[in-house]
């Protein structure tokens, strides 16, 4: 099986405490539904800085990262099917799915 990174972008801008609790419940149910495919549940991330050849910006780029998860699947298409079920998408976010490349270090 290949490992895939789910890179979360965007998502809800603000939620009431009740909406946040409901969203977290959906998130946990989705994670549980993935079972052993989840290698690392990951975590959300805060506001980022982007380092580039022109210096450092405080905006996180054109599509800032909001979190990540690592899963394993037989193919990228199978990983995409997992990502499509995420409540992050229902909340207006997007998920970038990319294979994790094994490299000897």
PDB file of N, CA and C in Angstrom:
ATOM      1  N   UNK A   1       0.841  -1.184   0.000  1.00  0.00           N
ATOM      2  CA  UNK A   1       0.000   0.000   0.000  1.00  0.00           C
ATOM      3  C   UNK A   1       0.877   1.236   0.000  1.00  0.00           C
ATOM      4  N   UNK A   2       0.378   2.254  -0.623  1.00  0.00           N
ATOM      5  CA  UNK A   2       1.069   3.534  -0.707  1.00  0.00           C
ATOM      6  C   UNK A   2       0.503   4.492   0.332  1.00  0.00           C
ATOM      7  N   UNK A   3       1.364   5.317   0.898  1.00  0.00           N
ATOM      8  CA  UNK A   3       0.914   6.372   1.806  1.00  0.00           C
ATOM      9  C   UNK A   3       0.541   7.598   0.984  1.00  0.00           C
ATOM     10  N   UNK A   4      -0.508   8.280   1.425  1.00  0.00           N
ATOM     11  CA  UNK A   4      -0.967   9.505   0.776  1.00  0.00           C
ATOM     12  C   UNK A   4      -1.146  10.587   1.833  1.00  0.00           C
ATOM     13  N   UNK A   5      -0.812  11.804   1.461  1.00  0.00           N
ATOM     14  CA  UNK A   5      -1.012  12.960   2.326  1.00  0.00           C
ATOM     15  C   UNK A   5      -2.312  13.635   1.913  1.00  0.00           C
ATOM     16  N   UNK A   6      -3.172  13.870   2.889  1.00  0.00           N
ATOM     17  CA  UNK A   6      -4.337  14.719   2.686  1.00  0.00           C
ATOM     18  C   UNK A   6      -3.933  16.090   3.228  1.00  0.00           C
ATOM     19  N   UNK A   7      -3.811  17.067   2.358  1.00  0.00           N
ATOM     20  CA  UNK A   7      -3.493  18.437   2.767  1.00  0.00           C
ATOM     21  C   UNK A   7      -4.790  19.237   2.709  1.00  0.00           C
ATOM     22  N   UNK A   8      -5.248  19.656   3.870  1.00  0.00           N
ATOM     23  CA  UNK A   8      -6.512  20.384   3.959  1.00  0.00           C
ATOM     24  C   UNK A   8      -6.271  21.874   3.727  1.00  0.00           C
ATOM     25  N   UNK A   9      -7.143  22.454   2.913  1.00  0.00           N
ATOM     26  CA  UNK A   9      -7.088  23.885   2.631  1.00  0.00           C
ATOM     27  C   UNK A   9      -8.463  24.471   2.917  1.00  0.00           C
ATOM     28  N   UNK A  10      -8.466  25.687   3.442  1.00  0.00           N
ATOM     29  CA  UNK A  10      -9.736  26.368   3.696  1.00  0.00           C
ATOM     30  C   UNK A  10     -10.533  25.673   4.772  1.00  0.00           C
ATOM     31  N   UNK A  11     -11.828  25.772   4.647  1.00  0.00           N
ATOM     32  CA  UNK A  11     -12.733  25.191   5.632  1.00  0.00           C
ATOM     33  C   UNK A  11     -13.592  26.263   6.241  1.00  0.00           C
ATOM     34  N   UNK A  12     -14.280  25.920   7.306  1.00  0.00           N
ATOM     35  CA  UNK A  12     -15.185  26.898   7.903  1.00  0.00           C
ATOM     36  C   UNK A  12     -14.440  28.104   8.465  1.00  0.00           C
ATOM     37  N   UNK A  13     -14.965  29.269   8.205  1.00  0.00           N
ATOM     38  CA  UNK A  13     -14.357  30.506   8.716  1.00  0.00           C
ATOM     39  C   UNK A  13     -14.670  30.690  10.194  1.00  0.00           C
ATOM     40  N   UNK A  14     -15.902  30.427  10.568  1.00  0.00           N
ATOM     41  CA  UNK A  14     -16.284  30.525  11.965  1.00  0.00           C
ATOM     42  C   UNK A  14     -17.496  29.625  12.191  1.00  0.00           C
ATOM     43  N   UNK A  15     -17.576  29.120  13.395  1.00  0.00           N
ATOM     44  CA  UNK A  15     -18.701  28.268  13.761  1.00  0.00           C
ATOM     45  C   UNK A  15     -19.116  28.614  15.190  1.00  0.00           C
ATOM     46  N   UNK A  16     -20.395  28.442  15.457  1.00  0.00           N
ATOM     47  CA  UNK A  16     -20.847  28.560  16.836  1.00  0.00           C
ATOM     48  C   UNK A  16     -20.289  27.350  17.590  1.00  0.00           C
ATOM     49  N   UNK A  17     -20.272  27.407  18.909  1.00  0.00           N
ATOM     50  CA  UNK A  17     -19.807  26.233  19.664  1.00  0.00           C
ATOM     51  C   UNK A  17     -20.596  24.965  19.306  1.00  0.00           C
ATOM     52  N   UNK A  18     -21.891  25.103  19.088  1.00  0.00           N
ATOM     53  CA  UNK A  18     -22.719  23.951  18.737  1.00  0.00           C
ATOM     54  C   UNK A  18     -22.338  23.404  17.360  1.00  0.00           C
ATOM     55  N   UNK A  19     -22.135  24.317  16.390  1.00  0.00           N
ATOM     56  CA  UNK A  19     -21.723  23.897  15.047  1.00  0.00           C
ATOM     57  C   UNK A  19     -20.353  23.234  15.083  1.00  0.00           C
ATOM     58  N   UNK A  20     -19.448  23.793  15.881  1.00  0.00           N
ATOM     59  CA  UNK A  20     -18.111  23.218  16.014  1.00  0.00           C
ATOM     60  C   UNK A  20     -18.157  21.816  16.587  1.00  0.00           C
ATOM     61  N   UNK A  21     -18.995  21.621  17.598  1.00  0.00           N
ATOM     62  CA  UNK A  21     -19.137  20.300  18.214  1.00  0.00           C
ATOM     63  C   UNK A  21     -19.715  19.298  17.213  1.00  0.00           C
ATOM     64  N   UNK A  22     -20.719  19.721  16.456  1.00  0.00           N
ATOM     65  CA  UNK A  22     -21.318  18.844  15.444  1.00  0.00           C
ATOM     66  C   UNK A  22     -20.305  18.498  14.356  1.00  0.00           C
ATOM     67  N   UNK A  23     -19.539  19.498  13.923  1.00  0.00           N
ATOM     68  CA  UNK A  23     -18.512  19.264  12.890  1.00  0.00           C
ATOM     69  C   UNK A  23     -17.458  18.285  13.408  1.00  0.00           C
ATOM     70  N   UNK A  24     -17.027  18.457  14.652  1.00  0.00           N
ATOM     71  CA  UNK A  24     -16.024  17.563  15.222  1.00  0.00           C
ATOM     72  C   UNK A  24     -16.576  16.140  15.327  1.00  0.00           C
ATOM     73  N   UNK A  25     -17.836  15.999  15.637  1.00  0.00           N
ATOM     74  CA  UNK A  25     -18.461  14.677  15.679  1.00  0.00           C
ATOM     75  C   UNK A  25     -18.433  14.006  14.325  1.00  0.00           C
ATOM     76  N   UNK A  26     -18.743  14.779  13.270  1.00  0.00           N
ATOM     77  CA  UNK A  26     -18.683  14.237  11.902  1.00  0.00           C
ATOM     78  C   UNK A  26     -17.255  13.870  11.540  1.00  0.00           C
ATOM     79  N   UNK A  27     -16.305  14.729  11.947  1.00  0.00           N
ATOM     80  CA  UNK A  27     -14.888  14.482  11.657  1.00  0.00           C
ATOM     81  C   UNK A  27     -14.427  13.170  12.298  1.00  0.00           C
ATOM     82  N   UNK A  28     -14.764  12.986  13.570  1.00  0.00           N
ATOM     83  CA  UNK A  28     -14.343  11.783  14.283  1.00  0.00           C
ATOM     84  C   UNK A  28     -14.989  10.536  13.679  1.00  0.00           C
ATOM     85  N   UNK A  29     -16.257  10.639  13.289  1.00  0.00           N
ATOM     86  CA  UNK A  29     -16.944   9.503  12.654  1.00  0.00           C
ATOM     87  C   UNK A  29     -16.281   9.161  11.327  1.00  0.00           C
ATOM     88  N   UNK A  30     -15.894  10.181  10.553  1.00  0.00           N
ATOM     89  CA  UNK A  30     -15.210   9.942   9.282  1.00  0.00           C
ATOM     90  C   UNK A  30     -13.865   9.268   9.521  1.00  0.00           C
ATOM     91  N   UNK A  31     -13.095   9.780  10.493  1.00  0.00           N
ATOM     92  CA  UNK A  31     -11.796   9.170  10.811  1.00  0.00           C
ATOM     93  C   UNK A  31     -11.971   7.702  11.192  1.00  0.00           C
ATOM     94  N   UNK A  32     -12.957   7.423  12.034  1.00  0.00           N
ATOM     95  CA  UNK A  32     -13.214   6.039  12.453  1.00  0.00           C
ATOM     96  C   UNK A  32     -13.592   5.174  11.259  1.00  0.00           C
ATOM     97  N   UNK A  33     -14.339   5.734  10.303  1.00  0.00           N
ATOM     98  CA  UNK A  33     -14.771   4.962   9.129  1.00  0.00           C
ATOM     99  C   UNK A  33     -13.598   4.566   8.241  1.00  0.00           C
ATOM    100  N   UNK A  34     -12.497   5.316   8.323  1.00  0.00           N
ATOM    101  CA  UNK A  34     -11.315   4.996   7.513  1.00  0.00           C
ATOM    102  C   UNK A  34     -10.523   3.829   8.094  1.00  0.00           C
ATOM    103  N   UNK A  35     -10.751   3.524   9.358  1.00  0.00           N
ATOM    104  CA  UNK A  35     -10.129   2.366   9.998  1.00  0.00           C
ATOM    105  C   UNK A  35      -8.613   2.354   9.905  1.00  0.00           C
ATOM    106  N   UNK A  36      -8.074   1.187   9.530  1.00  0.00           N
ATOM    107  CA  UNK A  36      -6.631   0.992   9.470  1.00  0.00           C
ATOM    108  C   UNK A  36      -5.950   1.762   8.343  1.00  0.00           C
ATOM    109  N   UNK A  37      -6.733   2.402   7.468  1.00  0.00           N
ATOM    110  CA  UNK A  37      -6.128   3.197   6.396  1.00  0.00           C
ATOM    111  C   UNK A  37      -5.429   4.433   6.957  1.00  0.00           C
ATOM    112  N   UNK A  38      -5.828   4.861   8.154  1.00  0.00           N
ATOM    113  CA  UNK A  38      -5.225   6.054   8.750  1.00  0.00           C
ATOM    114  C   UNK A  38      -3.874   5.697   9.359  1.00  0.00           C
ATOM    115  N   UNK A  39      -2.827   6.315   8.821  1.00  0.00           N
ATOM    116  CA  UNK A  39      -1.461   6.130   9.332  1.00  0.00           C
ATOM    117  C   UNK A  39      -1.194   7.166  10.417  1.00  0.00           C
ATOM    118  N   UNK A  40      -1.618   8.413  10.178  1.00  0.00           N
ATOM    119  CA  UNK A  40      -1.428   9.515  11.118  1.00  0.00           C
ATOM    120  C   UNK A  40      -2.618  10.444  10.957  1.00  0.00           C
ATOM    121  N   UNK A  41      -3.410  10.595  12.019  1.00  0.00           N
ATOM    122  CA  UNK A  41      -4.582  11.475  11.944  1.00  0.00           C
ATOM    123  C   UNK A  41      -4.195  12.915  11.636  1.00  0.00           C
ATOM    124  N   UNK A  42      -2.949  13.270  11.890  1.00  0.00           N
ATOM    125  CA  UNK A  42      -2.493  14.626  11.630  1.00  0.00           C
ATOM    126  C   UNK A  42      -3.083  15.601  12.618  1.00  0.00           C
ATOM    127  N   UNK A  43      -3.209  16.855  12.179  1.00  0.00           N
ATOM    128  CA  UNK A  43      -3.738  17.895  13.042  1.00  0.00           C
ATOM    129  C   UNK A  43      -3.997  19.145  12.233  1.00  0.00           C
ATOM    130  N   UNK A  44      -4.811  20.045  12.788  1.00  0.00           N
ATOM    131  CA  UNK A  44      -4.995  21.329  12.123  1.00  0.00           C
ATOM    132  C   UNK A  44      -3.754  22.184  12.340  1.00  0.00           C
ATOM    133  N   UNK A  45      -3.578  23.170  11.494  1.00  0.00           N
ATOM    134  CA  UNK A  45      -2.456  24.093  11.640  1.00  0.00           C
ATOM    135  C   UNK A  45      -2.979  25.524  11.693  1.00  0.00           C
ATOM    136  N   UNK A  46      -2.189  26.390  12.310  1.00  0.00           N
ATOM    137  CA  UNK A  46      -2.547  27.798  12.426  1.00  0.00           C
ATOM    138  C   UNK A  46      -2.054  28.606  11.236  1.00  0.00           C
ATOM    139  N   UNK A  47      -2.164  29.914  11.371  1.00  0.00           N
ATOM    140  CA  UNK A  47      -1.733  30.835  10.318  1.00  0.00           C
ATOM    141  C   UNK A  47      -0.250  30.637  10.043  1.00  0.00           C
ATOM    142  N   UNK A  48       0.080  30.557   8.756  1.00  0.00           N
ATOM    143  CA  UNK A  48       1.455  30.249   8.371  1.00  0.00           C
ATOM    144  C   UNK A  48       2.167  31.444   7.748  1.00  0.00           C
ATOM    145  N   UNK A  49       3.445  31.257   7.579  1.00  0.00           N
ATOM    146  CA  UNK A  49       4.285  32.184   6.825  1.00  0.00           C
ATOM    147  C   UNK A  49       4.802  31.401   5.617  1.00  0.00           C
ATOM    148  N   UNK A  50       5.003  32.079   4.523  1.00  0.00           N
ATOM    149  CA  UNK A  50       5.509  31.442   3.313  1.00  0.00           C
ATOM    150  C   UNK A  50       6.895  31.992   3.014  1.00  0.00           C
ATOM    151  N   UNK A  51       7.857  31.097   2.909  1.00  0.00           N
ATOM    152  CA  UNK A  51       9.239  31.466   2.619  1.00  0.00           C
ATOM    153  C   UNK A  51       9.504  31.161   1.148  1.00  0.00           C
ATOM    154  N   UNK A  52       9.957  32.169   0.414  1.00  0.00           N
ATOM    155  CA  UNK A  52      10.248  31.998  -1.008  1.00  0.00           C
ATOM    156  C   UNK A  52      11.456  32.803  -1.410  1.00  0.00           C
ATOM    157  N   UNK A  53      11.809  32.732  -2.690  1.00  0.00           N
ATOM    158  CA  UNK A  53      12.993  33.451  -3.159  1.00  0.00           C
ATOM    159  C   UNK A  53      12.907  34.958  -2.963  1.00  0.00           C
ATOM    160  N   UNK A  54      11.687  35.493  -2.911  1.00  0.00           N
ATOM    161  CA  UNK A  54      11.505  36.927  -2.736  1.00  0.00           C
ATOM    162  C   UNK A  54      11.393  37.354  -1.287  1.00  0.00           C
ATOM    163  N   UNK A  55      11.501  36.406  -0.357  1.00  0.00           N
ATOM    164  CA  UNK A  55      11.391  36.743   1.056  1.00  0.00           C
ATOM    165  C   UNK A  55      10.303  35.956   1.748  1.00  0.00           C
ATOM    166  N   UNK A  56       9.758  36.528   2.793  1.00  0.00           N
ATOM    167  CA  UNK A  56       8.758  35.863   3.623  1.00  0.00           C
ATOM    168  C   UNK A  56       7.466  36.675   3.595  1.00  0.00           C
ATOM    169  N   UNK A  57       6.342  35.969   3.403  1.00  0.00           N
ATOM    170  CA  UNK A  57       5.037  36.620   3.474  1.00  0.00           C
ATOM    171  C   UNK A  57       4.256  35.997   4.622  1.00  0.00           C
ATOM    172  N   UNK A  58       3.298  36.736   5.142  1.00  0.00           N
ATOM    173  CA  UNK A  58       2.507  36.283   6.283  1.00  0.00           C
ATOM    174  C   UNK A  58       1.163  35.686   5.897  1.00  0.00           C
ATOM    175  N   UNK A  59       0.900  35.516   4.612  1.00  0.00           N
ATOM    176  CA  UNK A  59      -0.441  35.128   4.195  1.00  0.00           C
ATOM    177  C   UNK A  59      -0.628  33.641   3.926  1.00  0.00           C
ATOM    178  N   UNK A  60       0.412  32.846   3.992  1.00  0.00           N
ATOM    179  CA  UNK A  60       0.270  31.421   3.718  1.00  0.00           C
ATOM    180  C   UNK A  60       0.113  31.096   2.242  1.00  0.00           C
ATOM    181  N   UNK A  61       0.312  32.047   1.376  1.00  0.00           N
ATOM    182  CA  UNK A  61       0.186  31.788  -0.062  1.00  0.00           C
ATOM    183  C   UNK A  61      -1.249  31.883  -0.543  1.00  0.00           C
ATOM    184  N   UNK A  62      -1.464  31.456  -1.781  1.00  0.00           N
ATOM    185  CA  UNK A  62      -2.781  31.614  -2.392  1.00  0.00           C
ATOM    186  C   UNK A  62      -3.815  30.628  -1.850  1.00  0.00           C
ATOM    187  N   UNK A  63      -3.374  29.517  -1.273  1.00  0.00           N
ATOM    188  CA  UNK A  63      -4.299  28.518  -0.759  1.00  0.00           C
ATOM    189  C   UNK A  63      -3.699  27.908   0.510  1.00  0.00           C
ATOM    190  N   UNK A  64      -3.729  28.640   1.626  1.00  0.00           N
ATOM    191  CA  UNK A  64      -3.015  28.207   2.827  1.00  0.00           C
ATOM    192  C   UNK A  64      -3.470  26.856   3.367  1.00  0.00           C
ATOM    193  N   UNK A  65      -2.517  26.152   3.891  1.00  0.00           N
ATOM    194  CA  UNK A  65      -2.753  24.865   4.522  1.00  0.00           C
ATOM    195  C   UNK A  65      -3.537  25.066   5.819  1.00  0.00           C
ATOM    196  N   UNK A  66      -4.533  24.193   6.064  1.00  0.00           N
ATOM    197  CA  UNK A  66      -5.267  24.276   7.326  1.00  0.00           C
ATOM    198  C   UNK A  66      -5.122  23.002   8.161  1.00  0.00           C
ATOM    199  N   UNK A  67      -4.460  21.969   7.603  1.00  0.00           N
ATOM    200  CA  UNK A  67      -4.214  20.744   8.355  1.00  0.00           C
ATOM    201  C   UNK A  67      -3.744  19.634   7.441  1.00  0.00           C
ATOM    202  N   UNK A  68      -3.490  18.454   8.033  1.00  0.00           N
ATOM    203  CA  UNK A  68      -3.048  17.320   7.229  1.00  0.00           C
ATOM    204  C   UNK A  68      -3.416  16.004   7.907  1.00  0.00           C
ATOM    205  N   UNK A  69      -3.470  14.937   7.113  1.00  0.00           N
ATOM    206  CA  UNK A  69      -3.657  13.562   7.569  1.00  0.00           C
ATOM    207  C   UNK A  69      -2.845  12.683   6.625  1.00  0.00           C
ATOM    208  N   UNK A  70      -2.349  11.549   7.124  1.00  0.00           N
ATOM    209  CA  UNK A  70      -1.665  10.589   6.267  1.00  0.00           C
ATOM    210  C   UNK A  70      -2.447   9.283   6.308  1.00  0.00           C
ATOM    211  N   UNK A  71      -2.782   8.779   5.124  1.00  0.00           N
ATOM    212  CA  UNK A  71      -3.518   7.520   4.996  1.00  0.00           C
ATOM    213  C   UNK A  71      -2.727   6.581   4.097  1.00  0.00           C
ATOM    214  N   UNK A  72      -3.169   5.331   4.042  1.00  0.00           N
ATOM    215  CA  UNK A  72      -2.604   4.400   3.075  1.00  0.00           C
ATOM    216  C   UNK A  72      -3.746   3.837   2.240  1.00  0.00           C
ATOM    217  N   UNK A  73      -3.453   3.618   0.964  1.00  0.00           N
ATOM    218  CA  UNK A  73      -4.462   3.108   0.040  1.00  0.00           C
ATOM    219  C   UNK A  73      -3.754   2.388  -1.102  1.00  0.00           C
ATOM    220  N   UNK A  74      -4.526   1.612  -1.841  1.00  0.00           N
ATOM    221  CA  UNK A  74      -3.971   0.871  -2.977  1.00  0.00           C
ATOM    222  C   UNK A  74      -3.638   1.776  -4.156  1.00  0.00           C
ATOM    223  N   UNK A  75      -4.335   2.919  -4.256  1.00  0.00           N
ATOM    224  CA  UNK A  75      -4.115   3.820  -5.390  1.00  0.00           C
ATOM    225  C   UNK A  75      -4.533   5.227  -4.996  1.00  0.00           C
ATOM    226  N   UNK A  76      -4.119   6.188  -5.803  1.00  0.00           N
ATOM    227  CA  UNK A  76      -4.534   7.568  -5.542  1.00  0.00           C
ATOM    228  C   UNK A  76      -6.039   7.701  -5.708  1.00  0.00           C
ATOM    229  N   UNK A  77      -6.619   6.934  -6.631  1.00  0.00           N
ATOM    230  CA  UNK A  77      -8.070   6.995  -6.811  1.00  0.00           C
ATOM    231  C   UNK A  77      -8.799   6.517  -5.554  1.00  0.00           C
ATOM    232  N   UNK A  78      -8.268   5.478  -4.908  1.00  0.00           N
ATOM    233  CA  UNK A  78      -8.865   4.992  -3.663  1.00  0.00           C
ATOM    234  C   UNK A  78      -8.721   6.038  -2.561  1.00  0.00           C
ATOM    235  N   UNK A  79      -7.567   6.707  -2.499  1.00  0.00           N
ATOM    236  CA  UNK A  79      -7.357   7.761  -1.506  1.00  0.00           C
ATOM    237  C   UNK A  79      -8.303   8.934  -1.767  1.00  0.00           C
ATOM    238  N   UNK A  80      -8.509   9.282  -3.014  1.00  0.00           N
ATOM    239  CA  UNK A  80      -9.430  10.371  -3.367  1.00  0.00           C
ATOM    240  C   UNK A  80     -10.848  10.026  -2.911  1.00  0.00           C
ATOM    241  N   UNK A  81     -11.251   8.778  -3.077  1.00  0.00           N
ATOM    242  CA  UNK A  81     -12.587   8.367  -2.633  1.00  0.00           C
ATOM    243  C   UNK A  81     -12.724   8.552  -1.126  1.00  0.00           C
ATOM    244  N   UNK A  82     -11.663   8.255  -0.370  1.00  0.00           N
ATOM    245  CA  UNK A  82     -11.690   8.486   1.079  1.00  0.00           C
ATOM    246  C   UNK A  82     -11.860   9.973   1.373  1.00  0.00           C
ATOM    247  N   UNK A  83     -11.073  10.794   0.693  1.00  0.00           N
ATOM    248  CA  UNK A  83     -11.094  12.242   0.926  1.00  0.00           C
ATOM    249  C   UNK A  83     -12.448  12.853   0.593  1.00  0.00           C
ATOM    250  N   UNK A  84     -13.095  12.333  -0.431  1.00  0.00           N
ATOM    251  CA  UNK A  84     -14.386  12.873  -0.847  1.00  0.00           C
ATOM    252  C   UNK A  84     -15.449  12.751   0.237  1.00  0.00           C
ATOM    253  N   UNK A  85     -15.263  11.836   1.174  1.00  0.00           N
ATOM    254  CA  UNK A  85     -16.233  11.621   2.247  1.00  0.00           C
ATOM    255  C   UNK A  85     -15.991  12.527   3.457  1.00  0.00           C
ATOM    256  N   UNK A  86     -14.924  13.315   3.423  1.00  0.00           N
ATOM    257  CA  UNK A  86     -14.553  14.135   4.573  1.00  0.00           C
ATOM    258  C   UNK A  86     -15.542  15.267   4.827  1.00  0.00           C
ATOM    259  N   UNK A  87     -15.885  15.508   6.092  1.00  0.00           N
ATOM    260  CA  UNK A  87     -16.733  16.658   6.411  1.00  0.00           C
ATOM    261  C   UNK A  87     -16.045  17.990   6.119  1.00  0.00           C
ATOM    262  N   UNK A  88     -14.726  17.972   5.928  1.00  0.00           N
ATOM    263  CA  UNK A  88     -14.011  19.200   5.569  1.00  0.00           C
ATOM    264  C   UNK A  88     -14.535  19.743   4.240  1.00  0.00           C
ATOM    265  N   UNK A  89     -14.830  18.848   3.309  1.00  0.00           N
ATOM    266  CA  UNK A  89     -15.348  19.253   1.997  1.00  0.00           C
ATOM    267  C   UNK A  89     -16.748  19.840   2.157  1.00  0.00           C
ATOM    268  N   UNK A  90     -17.572  19.194   2.977  1.00  0.00           N
ATOM    269  CA  UNK A  90     -18.925  19.710   3.215  1.00  0.00           C
ATOM    270  C   UNK A  90     -18.904  21.083   3.873  1.00  0.00           C
ATOM    271  N   UNK A  91     -17.836  21.395   4.598  1.00  0.00           N
ATOM    272  CA  UNK A  91     -17.723  22.678   5.287  1.00  0.00           C
ATOM    273  C   UNK A  91     -17.089  23.749   4.396  1.00  0.00           C
ATOM    274  N   UNK A  92     -16.906  23.443   3.111  1.00  0.00           N
ATOM    275  CA  UNK A  92     -16.394  24.436   2.171  1.00  0.00           C
ATOM    276  C   UNK A  92     -14.905  24.374   1.916  1.00  0.00           C
ATOM    277  N   UNK A  93     -14.207  23.415   2.516  1.00  0.00           N
ATOM    278  CA  UNK A  93     -12.768  23.288   2.297  1.00  0.00           C
ATOM    279  C   UNK A  93     -12.447  22.382   1.123  1.00  0.00           C
ATOM    280  N   UNK A  94     -11.172  22.292   0.825  1.00  0.00           N
ATOM    281  CA  UNK A  94     -10.693  21.380  -0.211  1.00  0.00           C
ATOM    282  C   UNK A  94      -9.609  20.487   0.393  1.00  0.00           C
ATOM    283  N   UNK A  95      -9.388  19.347  -0.253  1.00  0.00           N
ATOM    284  CA  UNK A  95      -8.354  18.422   0.190  1.00  0.00           C
ATOM    285  C   UNK A  95      -7.478  18.068  -0.997  1.00  0.00           C
ATOM    286  N   UNK A  96      -6.216  18.374  -0.867  1.00  0.00           N
ATOM    287  CA  UNK A  96      -5.223  17.983  -1.863  1.00  0.00           C
ATOM    288  C   UNK A  96      -4.745  16.585  -1.478  1.00  0.00           C
ATOM    289  N   UNK A  97      -4.763  15.647  -2.425  1.00  0.00           N
ATOM    290  CA  UNK A  97      -4.337  14.269  -2.171  1.00  0.00           C
ATOM    291  C   UNK A  97      -3.073  14.020  -2.991  1.00  0.00           C
ATOM    292  N   UNK A  98      -1.988  13.625  -2.302  1.00  0.00           N
ATOM    293  CA  UNK A  98      -0.718  13.408  -2.986  1.00  0.00           C
ATOM    294  C   UNK A  98      -0.016  12.183  -2.400  1.00  0.00           C
ATOM    295  N   UNK A  99       0.615  11.380  -3.267  1.00  0.00           N
ATOM    296  CA  UNK A  99       1.379  10.238  -2.733  1.00  0.00           C
ATOM    297  C   UNK A  99       2.596  10.722  -1.966  1.00  0.00           C
ATOM    298  N   UNK A 100       2.871  10.041  -0.843  1.00  0.00           N
ATOM    299  CA  UNK A 100       4.071  10.324  -0.080  1.00  0.00           C
ATOM    300  C   UNK A 100       5.191   9.494  -0.698  1.00  0.00           C
ATOM    301  N   UNK A 101       6.263  10.141  -1.060  1.00  0.00           N
ATOM    302  CA  UNK A 101       7.357   9.478  -1.751  1.00  0.00           C
ATOM    303  C   UNK A 101       8.358   8.924  -0.733  1.00  0.00           C
ATOM    304  N   UNK A 102       8.611   7.616  -0.792  1.00  0.00           N
ATOM    305  CA  UNK A 102       9.625   7.026   0.066  1.00  0.00           C
ATOM    306  C   UNK A 102      10.995   7.328  -0.515  1.00  0.00           C
ATOM    307  N   UNK A 103      11.841   7.922   0.309  1.00  0.00           N
ATOM    308  CA  UNK A 103      13.192   8.254  -0.132  1.00  0.00           C
ATOM    309  C   UNK A 103      14.168   7.845   0.958  1.00  0.00           C
ATOM    310  N   UNK A 104      15.244   7.145   0.576  1.00  0.00           N
ATOM    311  CA  UNK A 104      16.245   6.815   1.588  1.00  0.00           C
ATOM    312  C   UNK A 104      16.943   8.095   2.054  1.00  0.00           C
ATOM    313  N   UNK A 105      17.172   8.164   3.344  1.00  0.00           N
ATOM    314  CA  UNK A 105      17.851   9.334   3.896  1.00  0.00           C
ATOM    315  C   UNK A 105      19.157   8.917   4.526  1.00  0.00           C
TER     316      UNK A 105
END
